[in-house]
Amino acid sequence: MAMWFFFGYIEPMDFFDKSYLTVQKQYKPKYKQRANSFALWFVSALQIGLLLLFGYFLFLFIKETRTIYLSADKAWLFFILTCLFIIIRNWLRYGGRQLKIRRAKSSATVSSGQLKFSHLLALLISVYLVSFLFISICKLN
């Protein structure tokens, strides 16, 4: 179903779509022209942080089972390439026609499903703090 994304299929709104629209609405009054960019980079940073956290948990699990076939340099290269893929995918996903459809869906949904910007910012900060905390603790051991 993910391949349909590249052919114009519009998926139902998920957590990241709601996050994008929340951040965009937060910055729209102050920065009219840059609100879309802020929201795009916020959602990309959140997805990359979750990828870092998940990837490090996966690395620790594989390390404990002693089945590592990937060096640390190759793992970081894979992480960077995946980050570039996430940024490009979000740039395509939240631009143009699909953005208009997502805005229309957000205006049609009930307002109880909206997220608070302060909660999203706390989530972003906590994801990176936990990731870097685990990395620093495991490097000490």
Protein backbone atom coordinates (compact mmCIF):
# COMPACT_ATOMS: atom_id res chain seq x y z
CA MET A 1 0.00 0.00 0.00
CA ALA A 2 2.99 2.27 0.44
CA MET A 3 3.74 2.18 -3.30
CA TRP A 4 0.37 3.78 -4.02
CA PHE A 5 1.73 6.84 -2.26
CA PHE A 6 3.97 7.64 -5.22
CA PHE A 7 1.14 7.24 -7.70
CA GLY A 8 -1.14 9.82 -6.16
CA TYR A 9 -3.05 7.75 -3.61
CA ILE A 10 -4.01 9.87 -0.59
CA GLU A 11 -3.83 7.87 2.61
CA PRO A 12 -6.10 8.60 5.58
CA MET A 13 -4.81 11.20 8.00
CA ASP A 14 -2.39 9.81 10.53
CA PHE A 15 -0.51 11.23 13.52
CA PHE A 16 2.10 12.96 11.35
CA ASP A 17 -0.53 14.63 9.17
CA LYS A 18 -2.23 16.00 12.26
CA SER A 19 1.13 17.12 13.62
CA TYR A 20 1.91 18.90 10.36
CA LEU A 21 -1.38 20.75 10.37
CA THR A 22 -1.04 21.68 14.06
CA VAL A 23 2.44 23.14 13.58
CA GLN A 24 1.34 24.92 10.43
CA LYS A 25 -1.62 26.51 12.22
CA GLN A 26 0.65 27.53 15.10
CA TYR A 27 3.10 29.41 12.84
CA LYS A 28 0.61 30.72 10.26
CA PRO A 29 -0.25 33.99 12.08
CA LYS A 30 3.39 35.00 12.63
CA TYR A 31 5.16 33.55 9.60
CA LYS A 32 2.65 33.31 6.78
CA GLN A 33 5.06 32.23 4.07
CA ARG A 34 7.34 30.03 6.19
CA ALA A 35 4.66 28.11 8.10
CA ASN A 36 4.68 25.22 5.63
CA SER A 37 8.47 24.92 5.85
CA PHE A 38 8.41 24.97 9.65
CA ALA A 39 5.76 22.27 9.72
CA LEU A 40 7.61 20.17 7.14
CA TRP A 41 10.89 20.30 9.07
CA PHE A 42 9.12 19.63 12.37
CA VAL A 43 7.45 16.47 11.08
CA SER A 44 10.67 15.34 9.40
CA ALA A 45 12.64 15.92 12.62
CA LEU A 46 10.05 13.97 14.61
CA GLN A 47 10.15 11.03 12.18
CA ILE A 48 13.97 11.04 12.12
CA GLY A 49 14.09 11.12 15.92
CA LEU A 50 11.75 8.15 16.11
CA LEU A 51 13.88 6.36 13.53
CA LEU A 52 17.00 7.04 15.61
CA LEU A 53 15.33 5.74 18.76
CA PHE A 54 13.98 2.62 17.04
CA GLY A 55 17.25 2.00 15.24
CA TYR A 56 19.26 2.19 18.42
CA PHE A 57 16.90 -0.21 20.22
CA LEU A 58 17.22 -2.57 17.26
CA PHE A 59 21.02 -2.22 17.37
CA LEU A 60 21.09 -3.07 21.08
CA PHE A 61 18.84 -6.09 20.52
CA ILE A 62 20.97 -7.39 17.67
CA LYS A 63 24.12 -6.75 19.69
CA GLU A 64 22.76 -8.84 22.58
CA THR A 65 21.91 -11.72 20.27
CA ARG A 66 25.39 -11.46 18.71
CA THR A 67 24.12 -11.48 15.13
CA ILE A 68 25.59 -8.20 13.89
CA TYR A 69 26.55 -8.32 10.24
CA LEU A 70 26.69 -4.55 9.77
CA SER A 71 29.51 -2.28 10.86
CA ALA A 72 28.84 0.96 12.70
CA ASP A 73 29.94 3.07 9.72
CA LYS A 74 27.57 1.27 7.38
CA ALA A 75 24.76 1.58 9.93
CA TRP A 76 25.24 5.36 10.16
CA LEU A 77 25.36 5.58 6.36
CA PHE A 78 22.10 3.63 6.18
CA PHE A 79 20.60 5.98 8.80
CA ILE A 80 21.64 9.08 6.81
CA LEU A 81 20.23 7.67 3.59
CA THR A 82 16.98 6.81 5.35
CA CYS A 83 16.83 10.35 6.75
CA LEU A 84 17.23 11.77 3.25
CA PHE A 85 14.44 9.48 2.05
CA ILE A 86 12.18 10.70 4.88
CA ILE A 87 12.86 14.36 4.05
CA ILE A 88 12.20 13.89 0.33
CA ARG A 89 9.09 11.79 1.01
CA ASN A 90 7.68 14.44 3.34
CA TRP A 91 8.52 17.17 0.85
CA LEU A 92 6.52 15.32 -1.78
CA ARG A 93 3.76 14.34 0.64
CA TYR A 94 3.08 17.79 2.07
CA GLY A 95 3.36 19.79 -1.11
CA GLY A 96 0.95 20.73 -3.85
CA ARG A 97 -2.28 18.90 -4.48
CA GLN A 98 -1.94 16.44 -1.63
CA LEU A 99 -1.54 19.27 0.87
CA LYS A 100 -4.81 20.81 -0.32
CA ILE A 101 -6.58 17.47 0.11
CA ARG A 102 -5.13 17.03 3.61
CA ARG A 103 -6.26 20.54 4.59
CA ALA A 104 -9.75 19.77 3.34
CA LYS A 105 -9.77 16.54 5.35
CA SER A 106 -8.61 18.38 8.46
CA SER A 107 -11.36 20.97 8.17
CA ALA A 108 -13.93 18.19 7.75
CA THR A 109 -12.82 16.27 10.84
CA VAL A 110 -13.95 16.93 14.36
CA SER A 111 -11.78 19.40 16.28
CA SER A 112 -11.40 16.97 19.21
CA GLY A 113 -8.82 15.06 17.19
CA GLN A 114 -6.45 18.04 16.98
CA LEU A 115 -3.16 18.00 18.78
CA LYS A 116 -1.63 20.68 20.99
CA PHE A 117 1.57 22.30 19.79
CA SER A 118 3.15 22.23 23.25
CA HIS A 119 2.60 18.46 23.48
CA LEU A 120 4.16 17.94 20.06
CA LEU A 121 7.17 20.07 20.99
CA ALA A 122 7.60 18.12 24.24
CA LEU A 123 7.37 14.86 22.28
CA LEU A 124 10.06 15.99 19.82
CA ILE A 125 12.42 17.07 22.59
CA SER A 126 11.83 13.93 24.64
CA VAL A 127 12.45 11.62 21.66
CA TYR A 128 15.85 13.20 21.02
CA LEU A 129 16.75 13.34 24.72
CA VAL A 130 15.95 9.66 25.22
CA SER A 131 17.84 8.72 22.04
CA PHE A 132 20.97 10.61 22.99
CA LEU A 133 20.73 9.42 26.60
CA PHE A 134 20.67 5.78 25.49
CA ILE A 135 23.53 6.36 23.08
CA SER A 136 25.69 8.03 25.72
CA ILE A 137 24.90 5.43 28.41
CA CYS A 138 25.65 2.51 26.11
CA LYS A 139 28.92 4.08 24.94
CA LEU A 140 30.08 4.29 28.55
CA ASN A 141 29.51 0.55 29.06
